[in-house]
Amino acid sequence: GRLCVEWDVPGDNGEEIQSYVLEHDGGKGESYSVCYNGPDTVFTVSGLTSGLVYKFRVKACNAEGAGQYSPVLEASGAAEPPARCEAPAVSKAKAGGVSLRWGEPDQRGAEIKGYKVEVSA
């Protein structure tokens, strides 16, 4: 899954802000690690596991050093559409009908609710 994290520009205390450091805890209460270091105030974090709650924090940096961390944001990574299915195979054929089978694709963080099968003549 992925999550778009956005933050406001803080007061610069007289020195232009040069960059922001965004960190998260890996979703398991681990120590924080940097997932973004740059000038933008928005970043999309990818590779998140759906169902885990991640903790994020950000700090601004200028020529004088780094400011204090923001309050912690807790959020879950969004699931993505499932992976592509393999080609179906005929498991049974009879007059007027056919039964198909295929392997279940990677769910990518969300339960698969159904399948859409298209038929062309």
N, C-alpha and C. Protein backbone atom coordinates (compact mmCIF):
# COMPACT_ATOMS: atom_id res chain seq x y z
N GLY A 1 0.81 -1.18 0.00
CA GLY A 1 0.00 0.00 0.00
C GLY A 1 0.86 1.25 0.00
N ARG A 2 0.19 2.34 -0.08
CA ARG A 2 0.91 3.61 -0.06
C ARG A 2 0.07 4.65 0.66
N LEU A 3 0.73 5.73 1.04
CA LEU A 3 0.07 6.78 1.80
C LEU A 3 0.72 8.11 1.45
N CYS A 4 -0.09 9.10 1.15
CA CYS A 4 0.41 10.44 0.85
C CYS A 4 0.41 11.24 2.16
N VAL A 5 1.59 11.70 2.57
CA VAL A 5 1.74 12.47 3.81
C VAL A 5 2.06 13.91 3.42
N GLU A 6 1.33 14.85 4.02
CA GLU A 6 1.52 16.27 3.72
C GLU A 6 1.59 17.05 5.02
N TRP A 7 2.41 18.09 5.06
CA TRP A 7 2.57 18.88 6.27
C TRP A 7 2.65 20.35 5.90
N ASP A 8 2.36 21.21 6.88
CA ASP A 8 2.42 22.66 6.69
C ASP A 8 3.85 23.16 6.89
N VAL A 9 4.15 24.29 6.25
CA VAL A 9 5.44 24.94 6.43
C VAL A 9 5.44 25.60 7.81
N PRO A 10 6.41 25.26 8.66
CA PRO A 10 6.47 25.88 9.99
C PRO A 10 7.14 27.26 9.92
N GLY A 11 7.14 27.97 11.03
CA GLY A 11 7.89 29.22 11.11
C GLY A 11 9.37 28.95 10.89
N ASP A 12 10.05 29.85 10.18
CA ASP A 12 11.45 29.60 9.84
C ASP A 12 12.44 30.27 10.79
N ASN A 13 11.95 31.05 11.76
CA ASN A 13 12.80 31.74 12.74
C ASN A 13 13.90 32.56 12.08
N GLY A 14 13.59 33.16 10.92
CA GLY A 14 14.53 34.05 10.27
C GLY A 14 15.47 33.42 9.28
N GLU A 15 15.49 32.11 9.17
CA GLU A 15 16.35 31.41 8.21
C GLU A 15 15.46 30.57 7.29
N GLU A 16 15.69 30.66 6.00
CA GLU A 16 14.89 29.90 5.04
C GLU A 16 15.01 28.40 5.28
N ILE A 17 13.87 27.72 5.25
CA ILE A 17 13.88 26.26 5.40
C ILE A 17 14.46 25.64 4.13
N GLN A 18 15.44 24.76 4.31
CA GLN A 18 16.12 24.13 3.17
C GLN A 18 15.56 22.75 2.84
N SER A 19 15.13 22.02 3.88
CA SER A 19 14.64 20.66 3.63
C SER A 19 13.79 20.19 4.79
N TYR A 20 13.12 19.07 4.54
CA TYR A 20 12.32 18.39 5.56
C TYR A 20 12.78 16.95 5.64
N VAL A 21 12.73 16.39 6.83
CA VAL A 21 13.06 14.98 7.04
C VAL A 21 11.81 14.30 7.57
N LEU A 22 11.27 13.37 6.78
CA LEU A 22 10.09 12.59 7.16
C LEU A 22 10.54 11.20 7.56
N GLU A 23 10.07 10.73 8.70
CA GLU A 23 10.44 9.41 9.20
C GLU A 23 9.19 8.61 9.54
N HIS A 24 9.30 7.28 9.49
CA HIS A 24 8.22 6.42 9.98
C HIS A 24 8.82 5.22 10.71
N ASP A 25 7.95 4.54 11.46
CA ASP A 25 8.42 3.46 12.35
C ASP A 25 8.31 2.06 11.77
N GLY A 26 7.95 1.91 10.52
CA GLY A 26 7.85 0.58 9.92
C GLY A 26 6.55 -0.14 10.24
N GLY A 27 5.66 0.48 11.02
CA GLY A 27 4.37 -0.11 11.32
C GLY A 27 4.37 -1.15 12.41
N LYS A 28 5.51 -1.35 13.06
CA LYS A 28 5.60 -2.38 14.10
C LYS A 28 6.18 -1.82 15.39
N GLY A 29 6.09 -0.51 15.57
CA GLY A 29 6.63 0.10 16.77
C GLY A 29 8.14 0.09 16.82
N GLU A 30 8.77 -0.03 15.67
CA GLU A 30 10.22 -0.06 15.59
C GLU A 30 10.78 1.35 15.73
N SER A 31 12.10 1.48 15.74
CA SER A 31 12.69 2.80 15.74
C SER A 31 12.41 3.47 14.39
N TYR A 32 12.41 4.78 14.39
CA TYR A 32 12.09 5.53 13.18
C TYR A 32 13.23 5.46 12.18
N SER A 33 12.86 5.48 10.89
CA SER A 33 13.86 5.56 9.83
C SER A 33 13.39 6.60 8.81
N VAL A 34 14.33 7.23 8.14
CA VAL A 34 14.03 8.29 7.18
C VAL A 34 13.42 7.68 5.91
N CYS A 35 12.28 8.22 5.49
CA CYS A 35 11.68 7.80 4.23
C CYS A 35 11.68 8.93 3.20
N TYR A 36 11.96 10.16 3.65
CA TYR A 36 12.06 11.29 2.72
C TYR A 36 12.96 12.35 3.33
N ASN A 37 13.80 12.96 2.50
CA ASN A 37 14.64 14.09 2.89
C ASN A 37 14.73 15.00 1.67
N GLY A 38 14.01 16.11 1.71
CA GLY A 38 14.00 16.99 0.55
C GLY A 38 13.21 18.26 0.82
N PRO A 39 13.02 19.10 -0.22
CA PRO A 39 12.41 20.42 -0.04
C PRO A 39 10.88 20.45 -0.07
N ASP A 40 10.23 19.38 -0.48
CA ASP A 40 8.77 19.38 -0.64
C ASP A 40 8.05 19.16 0.69
N THR A 41 6.79 19.61 0.75
CA THR A 41 5.96 19.42 1.94
C THR A 41 4.91 18.34 1.74
N VAL A 42 5.15 17.45 0.79
CA VAL A 42 4.27 16.31 0.54
C VAL A 42 5.13 15.18 0.00
N PHE A 43 4.81 13.97 0.45
CA PHE A 43 5.56 12.80 -0.02
C PHE A 43 4.66 11.58 0.05
N THR A 44 4.70 10.75 -0.99
CA THR A 44 3.94 9.50 -1.01
C THR A 44 4.86 8.36 -0.60
N VAL A 45 4.53 7.74 0.52
CA VAL A 45 5.30 6.62 1.04
C VAL A 45 4.69 5.35 0.46
N SER A 46 5.50 4.52 -0.18
CA SER A 46 5.00 3.28 -0.77
C SER A 46 5.61 2.09 -0.05
N GLY A 47 5.12 0.90 -0.40
CA GLY A 47 5.63 -0.32 0.22
C GLY A 47 5.05 -0.59 1.60
N LEU A 48 3.94 0.06 1.94
CA LEU A 48 3.33 -0.13 3.25
C LEU A 48 2.42 -1.36 3.23
N THR A 49 2.30 -2.00 4.37
CA THR A 49 1.45 -3.17 4.51
C THR A 49 0.08 -2.74 5.02
N SER A 50 -0.97 -3.07 4.28
CA SER A 50 -2.32 -2.74 4.70
C SER A 50 -2.62 -3.42 6.03
N GLY A 51 -3.30 -2.70 6.90
CA GLY A 51 -3.65 -3.25 8.20
C GLY A 51 -2.69 -2.85 9.31
N LEU A 52 -1.47 -2.47 8.96
CA LEU A 52 -0.52 -1.99 9.96
C LEU A 52 -0.72 -0.50 10.17
N VAL A 53 -0.56 -0.05 11.40
CA VAL A 53 -0.63 1.38 11.70
C VAL A 53 0.79 1.90 11.79
N TYR A 54 1.10 2.87 10.96
CA TYR A 54 2.43 3.47 10.90
C TYR A 54 2.43 4.79 11.65
N LYS A 55 3.56 5.10 12.27
CA LYS A 55 3.74 6.39 12.93
C LYS A 55 4.72 7.21 12.11
N PHE A 56 4.33 8.46 11.82
CA PHE A 56 5.14 9.38 11.03
C PHE A 56 5.46 10.62 11.85
N ARG A 57 6.63 11.21 11.58
CA ARG A 57 6.99 12.49 12.15
C ARG A 57 7.89 13.21 11.15
N VAL A 58 7.87 14.55 11.21
CA VAL A 58 8.66 15.34 10.27
C VAL A 58 9.35 16.47 11.03
N LYS A 59 10.50 16.88 10.53
CA LYS A 59 11.19 18.05 11.08
C LYS A 59 11.73 18.88 9.93
N ALA A 60 11.83 20.19 10.16
CA ALA A 60 12.36 21.11 9.16
C ALA A 60 13.83 21.38 9.47
N CYS A 61 14.60 21.63 8.40
CA CYS A 61 16.02 21.92 8.55
C CYS A 61 16.35 23.22 7.81
N ASN A 62 17.19 24.05 8.45
CA ASN A 62 17.69 25.25 7.77
C ASN A 62 19.20 25.36 8.03
N ALA A 63 19.78 26.49 7.70
CA ALA A 63 21.24 26.65 7.83
C ALA A 63 21.71 26.50 9.27
N GLU A 64 20.83 26.69 10.22
CA GLU A 64 21.20 26.59 11.64
C GLU A 64 21.06 25.17 12.19
N GLY A 65 20.45 24.26 11.41
CA GLY A 65 20.28 22.88 11.87
C GLY A 65 18.84 22.42 11.73
N ALA A 66 18.52 21.37 12.47
CA ALA A 66 17.18 20.77 12.41
C ALA A 66 16.32 21.28 13.55
N GLY A 67 15.04 21.49 13.24
CA GLY A 67 14.08 21.87 14.27
C GLY A 67 13.58 20.64 15.01
N GLN A 68 12.61 20.86 15.88
CA GLN A 68 12.02 19.75 16.63
C GLN A 68 11.09 18.95 15.72
N TYR A 69 10.89 17.69 16.08
CA TYR A 69 9.95 16.85 15.34
C TYR A 69 8.52 17.32 15.56
N SER A 70 7.70 17.10 14.56
CA SER A 70 6.27 17.38 14.66
C SER A 70 5.64 16.38 15.62
N PRO A 71 4.39 16.65 16.04
CA PRO A 71 3.65 15.59 16.73
C PRO A 71 3.52 14.39 15.80
N VAL A 72 3.38 13.21 16.37
CA VAL A 72 3.31 11.97 15.60
C VAL A 72 1.95 11.84 14.91
N LEU A 73 1.98 11.44 13.65
CA LEU A 73 0.78 11.10 12.89
C LEU A 73 0.70 9.59 12.81
N GLU A 74 -0.44 9.01 13.15
CA GLU A 74 -0.66 7.57 13.00
C GLU A 74 -1.62 7.36 11.84
N ALA A 75 -1.24 6.49 10.91
CA ALA A 75 -2.06 6.24 9.73
C ALA A 75 -1.78 4.85 9.18
N SER A 76 -2.75 4.32 8.43
CA SER A 76 -2.60 3.01 7.79
C SER A 76 -2.35 3.18 6.31
N GLY A 77 -1.55 2.28 5.75
CA GLY A 77 -1.30 2.29 4.31
C GLY A 77 -2.53 1.79 3.57
N ALA A 78 -2.85 2.44 2.48
CA ALA A 78 -4.00 2.04 1.68
C ALA A 78 -3.66 0.81 0.84
N ALA A 79 -4.64 -0.05 0.67
CA ALA A 79 -4.46 -1.22 -0.18
C ALA A 79 -4.43 -0.79 -1.64
N GLU A 80 -3.87 -1.63 -2.47
CA GLU A 80 -3.80 -1.38 -3.91
C GLU A 80 -4.65 -2.42 -4.62
N PRO A 81 -5.01 -2.17 -5.87
CA PRO A 81 -5.77 -3.18 -6.63
C PRO A 81 -4.97 -4.49 -6.69
N PRO A 82 -5.67 -5.61 -6.75
CA PRO A 82 -4.95 -6.90 -6.80
C PRO A 82 -4.10 -7.02 -8.05
N ALA A 83 -3.13 -7.93 -7.98
CA ALA A 83 -2.27 -8.20 -9.13
C ALA A 83 -3.09 -8.85 -10.24
N ARG A 84 -2.54 -8.88 -11.41
CA ARG A 84 -3.20 -9.47 -12.57
C ARG A 84 -3.35 -10.98 -12.39
N CYS A 85 -4.51 -11.50 -12.76
CA CYS A 85 -4.75 -12.95 -12.70
C CYS A 85 -3.99 -13.66 -13.82
N GLU A 86 -3.68 -14.90 -13.57
CA GLU A 86 -3.12 -15.73 -14.64
C GLU A 86 -4.24 -16.06 -15.62
N ALA A 87 -3.89 -16.48 -16.82
CA ALA A 87 -4.91 -16.85 -17.81
C ALA A 87 -5.74 -18.01 -17.27
N PRO A 88 -7.07 -17.96 -17.44
CA PRO A 88 -7.90 -19.06 -16.96
C PRO A 88 -7.67 -20.32 -17.81
N ALA A 89 -7.99 -21.45 -17.20
CA ALA A 89 -7.90 -22.73 -17.91
C ALA A 89 -9.26 -23.42 -17.80
N VAL A 90 -9.60 -24.19 -18.80
CA VAL A 90 -10.87 -24.92 -18.80
C VAL A 90 -10.72 -26.12 -17.87
N SER A 91 -11.62 -26.20 -16.90
CA SER A 91 -11.59 -27.36 -16.00
C SER A 91 -12.66 -28.38 -16.37
N LYS A 92 -13.73 -27.92 -17.02
CA LYS A 92 -14.80 -28.83 -17.46
C LYS A 92 -15.56 -28.16 -18.60
N ALA A 93 -15.84 -28.92 -19.63
CA ALA A 93 -16.60 -28.38 -20.76
C ALA A 93 -17.72 -29.35 -21.10
N LYS A 94 -18.89 -28.81 -21.36
CA LYS A 94 -20.02 -29.62 -21.81
C LYS A 94 -20.88 -28.74 -22.70
N ALA A 95 -21.83 -29.33 -23.37
CA ALA A 95 -22.69 -28.58 -24.28
C ALA A 95 -23.36 -27.43 -23.53
N GLY A 96 -23.16 -26.23 -24.03
CA GLY A 96 -23.82 -25.06 -23.45
C GLY A 96 -23.10 -24.44 -22.27
N GLY A 97 -21.96 -24.95 -21.87
CA GLY A 97 -21.29 -24.35 -20.73
C GLY A 97 -19.85 -24.80 -20.58
N VAL A 98 -19.15 -24.08 -19.77
CA VAL A 98 -17.75 -24.39 -19.49
C VAL A 98 -17.42 -23.94 -18.07
N SER A 99 -16.59 -24.68 -17.40
CA SER A 99 -16.10 -24.28 -16.08
C SER A 99 -14.64 -23.87 -16.23
N LEU A 100 -14.29 -22.75 -15.60
CA LEU A 100 -12.93 -22.23 -15.68
C LEU A 100 -12.29 -22.24 -14.30
N ARG A 101 -10.97 -22.26 -14.29
CA ARG A 101 -10.23 -22.14 -13.03
C ARG A 101 -9.02 -21.24 -13.28
N TRP A 102 -8.56 -20.58 -12.21
CA TRP A 102 -7.36 -19.75 -12.27
C TRP A 102 -6.82 -19.62 -10.86
N GLY A 103 -5.57 -19.30 -10.77
CA GLY A 103 -4.95 -19.10 -9.47
C GLY A 103 -5.29 -17.73 -8.91
N GLU A 104 -5.37 -17.65 -7.60
CA GLU A 104 -5.67 -16.38 -6.95
C GLU A 104 -4.46 -15.46 -7.05
N PRO A 105 -4.66 -14.21 -7.49
CA PRO A 105 -3.53 -13.28 -7.59
C PRO A 105 -3.15 -12.72 -6.21
N ASP A 106 -2.03 -12.03 -6.15
CA ASP A 106 -1.61 -11.34 -4.93
C ASP A 106 -2.69 -10.32 -4.58
N GLN A 107 -3.17 -10.36 -3.35
CA GLN A 107 -4.26 -9.48 -2.94
C GLN A 107 -3.81 -8.04 -2.69
N ARG A 108 -2.54 -7.83 -2.45
CA ARG A 108 -1.96 -6.50 -2.23
C ARG A 108 -2.67 -5.73 -1.12
N GLY A 109 -2.96 -6.41 -0.04
CA GLY A 109 -3.44 -5.73 1.15
C GLY A 109 -4.94 -5.65 1.34
N ALA A 110 -5.73 -6.19 0.46
CA ALA A 110 -7.18 -6.15 0.63
C ALA A 110 -7.79 -7.45 0.12
N GLU A 111 -8.89 -7.84 0.75
CA GLU A 111 -9.58 -9.06 0.36
C GLU A 111 -10.17 -8.90 -1.04
N ILE A 112 -10.05 -9.93 -1.86
CA ILE A 112 -10.67 -9.93 -3.18
C ILE A 112 -12.14 -10.29 -3.00
N LYS A 113 -13.03 -9.42 -3.46
CA LYS A 113 -14.47 -9.60 -3.28
C LYS A 113 -15.11 -10.39 -4.41
N GLY A 114 -14.48 -10.47 -5.55
CA GLY A 114 -15.05 -11.18 -6.68
C GLY A 114 -14.16 -11.07 -7.90
N TYR A 115 -14.56 -11.75 -8.93
CA TYR A 115 -13.82 -11.75 -10.19
C TYR A 115 -14.77 -11.39 -11.31
N LYS A 116 -14.26 -10.75 -12.34
CA LYS A 116 -15.03 -10.42 -13.53
C LYS A 116 -14.47 -11.23 -14.68
N VAL A 117 -15.30 -12.07 -15.27
CA VAL A 117 -14.90 -12.90 -16.40
C VAL A 117 -15.61 -12.38 -17.64
N GLU A 118 -14.85 -12.08 -18.67
CA GLU A 118 -15.43 -11.61 -19.92
C GLU A 118 -15.34 -12.70 -20.97
N VAL A 119 -16.40 -12.86 -21.74
CA VAL A 119 -16.47 -13.89 -22.77
C VAL A 119 -16.68 -13.21 -24.11
N SER A 120 -15.94 -13.65 -25.10
CA SER A 120 -16.17 -13.15 -26.46
C SER A 120 -16.32 -14.35 -27.39
N ALA A 121 -17.17 -14.19 -28.37
CA ALA A 121 -17.43 -15.29 -29.30
C ALA A 121 -16.58 -15.18 -30.53
